[in-house]
Amino acid sequence: MMAGDAYGGKTPQETLDLFLRALRTGDMLLASKYFALGTSEEEYLNRTKWEDGLRDAQAEGRIKSVI
């Protein structure tokens, strides 16, 4: 799964920077792609749940605390 992941930077720091940029611009779908792999089999890797959580945080005005 990780080998086929097309998102993220060349380094962990670059991936973190991309994640934060996506959060700051309000793109929760893109942010979730930097944060979690796209799988529905293992809950801790489930991108949809993370995307929903980020959208909830955004709607509740908590995205700055996430960043």
PDB file of N, CA and C in Angstrom:
ATOM      1  N   MET A   1       0.834  -1.189   0.000  1.00  0.00           N
ATOM      2  CA  MET A   1       0.000   0.000   0.000  1.00  0.00           C
ATOM      3  C   MET A   1       0.878   1.252   0.000  1.00  0.00           C
ATOM      4  N   MET A   2       1.900   1.263   0.834  1.00  0.00           N
ATOM      5  CA  MET A   2       2.756   2.434   0.917  1.00  0.00           C
ATOM      6  C   MET A   2       3.561   2.644  -0.364  1.00  0.00           C
ATOM      7  N   ALA A   3       3.988   1.567  -0.987  1.00  0.00           N
ATOM      8  CA  ALA A   3       4.784   1.691  -2.208  1.00  0.00           C
ATOM      9  C   ALA A   3       3.975   2.324  -3.336  1.00  0.00           C
ATOM     10  N   GLY A   4       2.669   2.118  -3.338  1.00  0.00           N
ATOM     11  CA  GLY A   4       1.828   2.668  -4.381  1.00  0.00           C
ATOM     12  C   GLY A   4       1.252   4.031  -4.058  1.00  0.00           C
ATOM     13  N   ASP A   5       1.614   4.593  -2.922  1.00  0.00           N
ATOM     14  CA  ASP A   5       1.088   5.893  -2.502  1.00  0.00           C
ATOM     15  C   ASP A   5       1.688   6.993  -3.371  1.00  0.00           C
ATOM     16  N   ALA A   6       0.834   7.722  -4.095  1.00  0.00           N
ATOM     17  CA  ALA A   6       1.291   8.756  -5.019  1.00  0.00           C
ATOM     18  C   ALA A   6       1.351  10.135  -4.373  1.00  0.00           C
ATOM     19  N   TYR A   7       0.996  10.250  -3.105  1.00  0.00           N
ATOM     20  CA  TYR A   7       0.978  11.540  -2.429  1.00  0.00           C
ATOM     21  C   TYR A   7       2.151  11.640  -1.476  1.00  0.00           C
ATOM     22  N   GLY A   8       2.467  12.842  -1.125  1.00  0.00           N
ATOM     23  CA  GLY A   8       3.544  13.057  -0.171  1.00  0.00           C
ATOM     24  C   GLY A   8       4.782  13.587  -0.840  1.00  0.00           C
ATOM     25  N   GLY A   9       5.686  14.046  -0.012  1.00  0.00           N
ATOM     26  CA  GLY A   9       6.922  14.622  -0.515  1.00  0.00           C
ATOM     27  C   GLY A   9       8.050  13.613  -0.518  1.00  0.00           C
ATOM     28  N   LYS A  10       9.219  14.118  -0.831  1.00  0.00           N
ATOM     29  CA  LYS A  10      10.398  13.259  -0.865  1.00  0.00           C
ATOM     30  C   LYS A  10      10.907  12.966   0.537  1.00  0.00           C
ATOM     31  N   THR A  11      10.535  13.819   1.486  1.00  0.00           N
ATOM     32  CA  THR A  11      10.954  13.635   2.870  1.00  0.00           C
ATOM     33  C   THR A  11       9.723  13.743   3.769  1.00  0.00           C
ATOM     34  N   PRO A  12       9.817  13.245   4.983  1.00  0.00           N
ATOM     35  CA  PRO A  12       8.696  13.425   5.914  1.00  0.00           C
ATOM     36  C   PRO A  12       8.367  14.905   6.147  1.00  0.00           C
ATOM     37  N   GLN A  13       9.391  15.753   6.235  1.00  0.00           N
ATOM     38  CA  GLN A  13       9.148  17.176   6.454  1.00  0.00           C
ATOM     39  C   GLN A  13       8.385  17.792   5.281  1.00  0.00           C
ATOM     40  N   GLU A  14       8.753  17.419   4.067  1.00  0.00           N
ATOM     41  CA  GLU A  14       8.048  17.933   2.894  1.00  0.00           C
ATOM     42  C   GLU A  14       6.583  17.480   2.897  1.00  0.00           C
ATOM     43  N   THR A  15       6.337  16.246   3.286  1.00  0.00           N
ATOM     44  CA  THR A  15       4.962  15.752   3.371  1.00  0.00           C
ATOM     45  C   THR A  15       4.183  16.516   4.429  1.00  0.00           C
ATOM     46  N   LEU A  16       4.798  16.760   5.566  1.00  0.00           N
ATOM     47  CA  LEU A  16       4.144  17.547   6.609  1.00  0.00           C
ATOM     48  C   LEU A  16       3.813  18.944   6.115  1.00  0.00           C
ATOM     49  N   ASP A  17       4.737  19.571   5.407  1.00  0.00           N
ATOM     50  CA  ASP A  17       4.499  20.910   4.862  1.00  0.00           C
ATOM     51  C   ASP A  17       3.342  20.907   3.863  1.00  0.00           C
ATOM     52  N   LEU A  18       3.265  19.887   3.029  1.00  0.00           N
ATOM     53  CA  LEU A  18       2.169  19.769   2.066  1.00  0.00           C
ATOM     54  C   LEU A  18       0.837  19.567   2.790  1.00  0.00           C
ATOM     55  N   PHE A  19       0.854  18.755   3.832  1.00  0.00           N
ATOM     56  CA  PHE A  19      -0.339  18.517   4.641  1.00  0.00           C
ATOM     57  C   PHE A  19      -0.837  19.819   5.261  1.00  0.00           C
ATOM     58  N   LEU A  20       0.068  20.564   5.869  1.00  0.00           N
ATOM     59  CA  LEU A  20      -0.316  21.824   6.496  1.00  0.00           C
ATOM     60  C   LEU A  20      -0.819  22.842   5.481  1.00  0.00           C
ATOM     61  N   ARG A  21      -0.194  22.892   4.316  1.00  0.00           N
ATOM     62  CA  ARG A  21      -0.644  23.810   3.261  1.00  0.00           C
ATOM     63  C   ARG A  21      -2.073  23.467   2.825  1.00  0.00           C
ATOM     64  N   ALA A  22      -2.357  22.178   2.678  1.00  0.00           N
ATOM     65  CA  ALA A  22      -3.707  21.759   2.297  1.00  0.00           C
ATOM     66  C   ALA A  22      -4.720  22.148   3.375  1.00  0.00           C
ATOM     67  N   LEU A  23      -4.361  21.978   4.643  1.00  0.00           N
ATOM     68  CA  LEU A  23      -5.256  22.388   5.724  1.00  0.00           C
ATOM     69  C   LEU A  23      -5.517  23.890   5.677  1.00  0.00           C
ATOM     70  N   ARG A  24      -4.458  24.657   5.494  1.00  0.00           N
ATOM     71  CA  ARG A  24      -4.587  26.121   5.486  1.00  0.00           C
ATOM     72  C   ARG A  24      -5.451  26.618   4.329  1.00  0.00           C
ATOM     73  N   THR A  25      -5.432  25.899   3.225  1.00  0.00           N
ATOM     74  CA  THR A  25      -6.240  26.320   2.078  1.00  0.00           C
ATOM     75  C   THR A  25      -7.634  25.713   2.096  1.00  0.00           C
ATOM     76  N   GLY A  26      -7.899  24.884   3.105  1.00  0.00           N
ATOM     77  CA  GLY A  26      -9.230  24.311   3.253  1.00  0.00           C
ATOM     78  C   GLY A  26      -9.502  23.071   2.425  1.00  0.00           C
ATOM     79  N   ASP A  27      -8.457  22.458   1.880  1.00  0.00           N
ATOM     80  CA  ASP A  27      -8.635  21.265   1.048  1.00  0.00           C
ATOM     81  C   ASP A  27      -8.473  20.016   1.916  1.00  0.00           C
ATOM     82  N   MET A  28      -9.560  19.621   2.567  1.00  0.00           N
ATOM     83  CA  MET A  28      -9.506  18.494   3.496  1.00  0.00           C
ATOM     84  C   MET A  28      -9.278  17.166   2.784  1.00  0.00           C
ATOM     85  N   LEU A  29      -9.789  17.026   1.571  1.00  0.00           N
ATOM     86  CA  LEU A  29      -9.558  15.794   0.814  1.00  0.00           C
ATOM     87  C   LEU A  29      -8.070  15.623   0.543  1.00  0.00           C
ATOM     88  N   LEU A  30      -7.422  16.663   0.050  1.00  0.00           N
ATOM     89  CA  LEU A  30      -5.989  16.583  -0.219  1.00  0.00           C
ATOM     90  C   LEU A  30      -5.208  16.373   1.072  1.00  0.00           C
ATOM     91  N   ALA A  31      -5.570  17.080   2.122  1.00  0.00           N
ATOM     92  CA  ALA A  31      -4.882  16.912   3.404  1.00  0.00           C
ATOM     93  C   ALA A  31      -4.965  15.468   3.875  1.00  0.00           C
ATOM     94  N   SER A  32      -6.130  14.862   3.741  1.00  0.00           N
ATOM     95  CA  SER A  32      -6.281  13.476   4.184  1.00  0.00           C
ATOM     96  C   SER A  32      -5.416  12.525   3.362  1.00  0.00           C
ATOM     97  N   LYS A  33      -5.135  12.870   2.119  1.00  0.00           N
ATOM     98  CA  LYS A  33      -4.291  12.014   1.277  1.00  0.00           C
ATOM     99  C   LYS A  33      -2.837  12.055   1.720  1.00  0.00           C
ATOM    100  N   TYR A  34      -2.407  13.156   2.311  1.00  0.00           N
ATOM    101  CA  TYR A  34      -1.047  13.229   2.844  1.00  0.00           C
ATOM    102  C   TYR A  34      -0.947  12.522   4.183  1.00  0.00           C
ATOM    103  N   PHE A  35      -2.070  12.384   4.849  1.00  0.00           N
ATOM    104  CA  PHE A  35      -2.076  11.911   6.225  1.00  0.00           C
ATOM    105  C   PHE A  35      -2.358  10.420   6.344  1.00  0.00           C
ATOM    106  N   ALA A  36      -3.196   9.859   5.484  1.00  0.00           N
ATOM    107  CA  ALA A  36      -3.608   8.467   5.626  1.00  0.00           C
ATOM    108  C   ALA A  36      -3.687   7.786   4.273  1.00  0.00           C
ATOM    109  N   LEU A  37      -3.370   6.522   4.269  1.00  0.00           N
ATOM    110  CA  LEU A  37      -3.484   5.738   3.040  1.00  0.00           C
ATOM    111  C   LEU A  37      -4.946   5.485   2.728  1.00  0.00           C
ATOM    112  N   GLY A  38      -5.253   5.296   1.473  1.00  0.00           N
ATOM    113  CA  GLY A  38      -6.624   5.051   1.049  1.00  0.00           C
ATOM    114  C   GLY A  38      -7.012   3.599   1.164  1.00  0.00           C
ATOM    115  N   THR A  39      -7.466   3.196   2.326  1.00  0.00           N
ATOM    116  CA  THR A  39      -7.906   1.827   2.537  1.00  0.00           C
ATOM    117  C   THR A  39      -9.118   1.846   3.447  1.00  0.00           C
ATOM    118  N   SER A  40      -9.960   0.884   3.298  1.00  0.00           N
ATOM    119  CA  SER A  40     -11.119   0.795   4.180  1.00  0.00           C
ATOM    120  C   SER A  40     -11.026  -0.432   5.076  1.00  0.00           C
ATOM    121  N   GLU A  41      -9.957  -1.189   4.944  1.00  0.00           N
ATOM    122  CA  GLU A  41      -9.844  -2.441   5.681  1.00  0.00           C
ATOM    123  C   GLU A  41      -9.351  -2.252   7.116  1.00  0.00           C
ATOM    124  N   GLU A  42      -8.443  -1.329   7.316  1.00  0.00           N
ATOM    125  CA  GLU A  42      -7.890  -1.115   8.650  1.00  0.00           C
ATOM    126  C   GLU A  42      -8.273   0.283   9.104  1.00  0.00           C
ATOM    127  N   GLU A  43      -8.986   0.371  10.213  1.00  0.00           N
ATOM    128  CA  GLU A  43      -9.538   1.644  10.652  1.00  0.00           C
ATOM    129  C   GLU A  43      -8.478   2.726  10.813  1.00  0.00           C
ATOM    130  N   TYR A  44      -7.318   2.396  11.337  1.00  0.00           N
ATOM    131  CA  TYR A  44      -6.304   3.426  11.568  1.00  0.00           C
ATOM    132  C   TYR A  44      -5.718   3.972  10.274  1.00  0.00           C
ATOM    133  N   LEU A  45      -5.928   3.299   9.170  1.00  0.00           N
ATOM    134  CA  LEU A  45      -5.450   3.784   7.878  1.00  0.00           C
ATOM    135  C   LEU A  45      -6.586   4.276   6.988  1.00  0.00           C
ATOM    136  N   ASN A  46      -7.781   4.353   7.518  1.00  0.00           N
ATOM    137  CA  ASN A  46      -8.945   4.688   6.711  1.00  0.00           C
ATOM    138  C   ASN A  46      -8.984   6.177   6.423  1.00  0.00           C
ATOM    139  N   ARG A  47      -8.676   6.546   5.178  1.00  0.00           N
ATOM    140  CA  ARG A  47      -8.602   7.946   4.772  1.00  0.00           C
ATOM    141  C   ARG A  47      -9.946   8.646   4.893  1.00  0.00           C
ATOM    142  N   THR A  48     -11.023   7.950   4.603  1.00  0.00           N
ATOM    143  CA  THR A  48     -12.345   8.571   4.658  1.00  0.00           C
ATOM    144  C   THR A  48     -12.662   9.061   6.068  1.00  0.00           C
ATOM    145  N   LYS A  49     -12.329   8.269   7.072  1.00  0.00           N
ATOM    146  CA  LYS A  49     -12.584   8.698   8.450  1.00  0.00           C
ATOM    147  C   LYS A  49     -11.755   9.916   8.804  1.00  0.00           C
ATOM    148  N   TRP A  50     -10.516   9.962   8.378  1.00  0.00           N
ATOM    149  CA  TRP A  50      -9.670  11.128   8.651  1.00  0.00           C
ATOM    150  C   TRP A  50     -10.178  12.350   7.898  1.00  0.00           C
ATOM    151  N   GLU A  51     -10.584  12.160   6.653  1.00  0.00           N
ATOM    152  CA  GLU A  51     -11.130  13.279   5.882  1.00  0.00           C
ATOM    153  C   GLU A  51     -12.380  13.832   6.569  1.00  0.00           C
ATOM    154  N   ASP A  52     -13.269  12.952   7.003  1.00  0.00           N
ATOM    155  CA  ASP A  52     -14.477  13.395   7.709  1.00  0.00           C
ATOM    156  C   ASP A  52     -14.121  14.149   8.986  1.00  0.00           C
ATOM    157  N   GLY A  53     -13.147  13.653   9.717  1.00  0.00           N
ATOM    158  CA  GLY A  53     -12.723  14.319  10.938  1.00  0.00           C
ATOM    159  C   GLY A  53     -12.149  15.701  10.673  1.00  0.00           C
ATOM    160  N   LEU A  54     -11.371  15.822   9.601  1.00  0.00           N
ATOM    161  CA  LEU A  54     -10.817  17.127   9.240  1.00  0.00           C
ATOM    162  C   LEU A  54     -11.917  18.088   8.802  1.00  0.00           C
ATOM    163  N   ARG A  55     -12.880  17.590   8.059  1.00  0.00           N
ATOM    164  CA  ARG A  55     -14.009  18.437   7.646  1.00  0.00           C
ATOM    165  C   ARG A  55     -14.819  18.898   8.866  1.00  0.00           C
ATOM    166  N   ASP A  56     -15.011  18.008   9.824  1.00  0.00           N
ATOM    167  CA  ASP A  56     -15.710  18.382  11.059  1.00  0.00           C
ATOM    168  C   ASP A  56     -14.946  19.478  11.794  1.00  0.00           C
ATOM    169  N   ALA A  57     -13.642  19.306  11.907  1.00  0.00           N
ATOM    170  CA  ALA A  57     -12.821  20.313  12.583  1.00  0.00           C
ATOM    171  C   ALA A  57     -12.908  21.649  11.858  1.00  0.00           C
ATOM    172  N   GLN A  58     -12.912  21.607  10.533  1.00  0.00           N
ATOM    173  CA  GLN A  58     -13.022  22.825   9.735  1.00  0.00           C
ATOM    174  C   GLN A  58     -14.374  23.493   9.984  1.00  0.00           C
ATOM    175  N   ALA A  59     -15.447  22.727   9.945  1.00  0.00           N
ATOM    176  CA  ALA A  59     -16.796  23.265  10.128  1.00  0.00           C
ATOM    177  C   ALA A  59     -16.995  23.850  11.527  1.00  0.00           C
ATOM    178  N   GLU A  60     -16.300  23.284  12.500  1.00  0.00           N
ATOM    179  CA  GLU A  60     -16.414  23.732  13.881  1.00  0.00           C
ATOM    180  C   GLU A  60     -15.402  24.830  14.232  1.00  0.00           C
ATOM    181  N   GLY A  61     -14.640  25.277  13.243  1.00  0.00           N
ATOM    182  CA  GLY A  61     -13.666  26.332  13.471  1.00  0.00           C
ATOM    183  C   GLY A  61     -12.446  25.897  14.276  1.00  0.00           C
ATOM    184  N   ARG A  62     -12.144  24.589  14.234  1.00  0.00           N
ATOM    185  CA  ARG A  62     -11.017  24.067  15.009  1.00  0.00           C
ATOM    186  C   ARG A  62      -9.799  23.744  14.158  1.00  0.00           C
ATOM    187  N   ILE A  63      -9.823  24.093  12.870  1.00  0.00           N
ATOM    188  CA  ILE A  63      -8.740  23.677  11.980  1.00  0.00           C
ATOM    189  C   ILE A  63      -7.405  24.307  12.385  1.00  0.00           C
ATOM    190  N   LYS A  64      -7.428  25.524  12.931  1.00  0.00           N
ATOM    191  CA  LYS A  64      -6.161  26.148  13.376  1.00  0.00           C
ATOM    192  C   LYS A  64      -5.531  25.347  14.495  1.00  0.00           C
ATOM    193  N   SER A  65      -6.325  24.766  15.366  1.00  0.00           N
ATOM    194  CA  SER A  65      -5.749  23.947  16.429  1.00  0.00           C
ATOM    195  C   SER A  65      -5.186  22.647  15.878  1.00  0.00           C
ATOM    196  N   VAL A  66      -5.763  22.145  14.776  1.00  0.00           N
ATOM    197  CA  VAL A  66      -5.225  20.950  14.124  1.00  0.00           C
ATOM    198  C   VAL A  66      -3.871  21.284  13.490  1.00  0.00           C
ATOM    199  N   ILE A  67      -3.813  22.440  12.847  1.00  0.00           N
ATOM    200  CA  ILE A  67      -2.560  22.864  12.215  1.00  0.00           C
ATOM    201  C   ILE A  67      -1.506  23.074  13.270  1.00  0.00           C
TER     202      ILE A  67
END
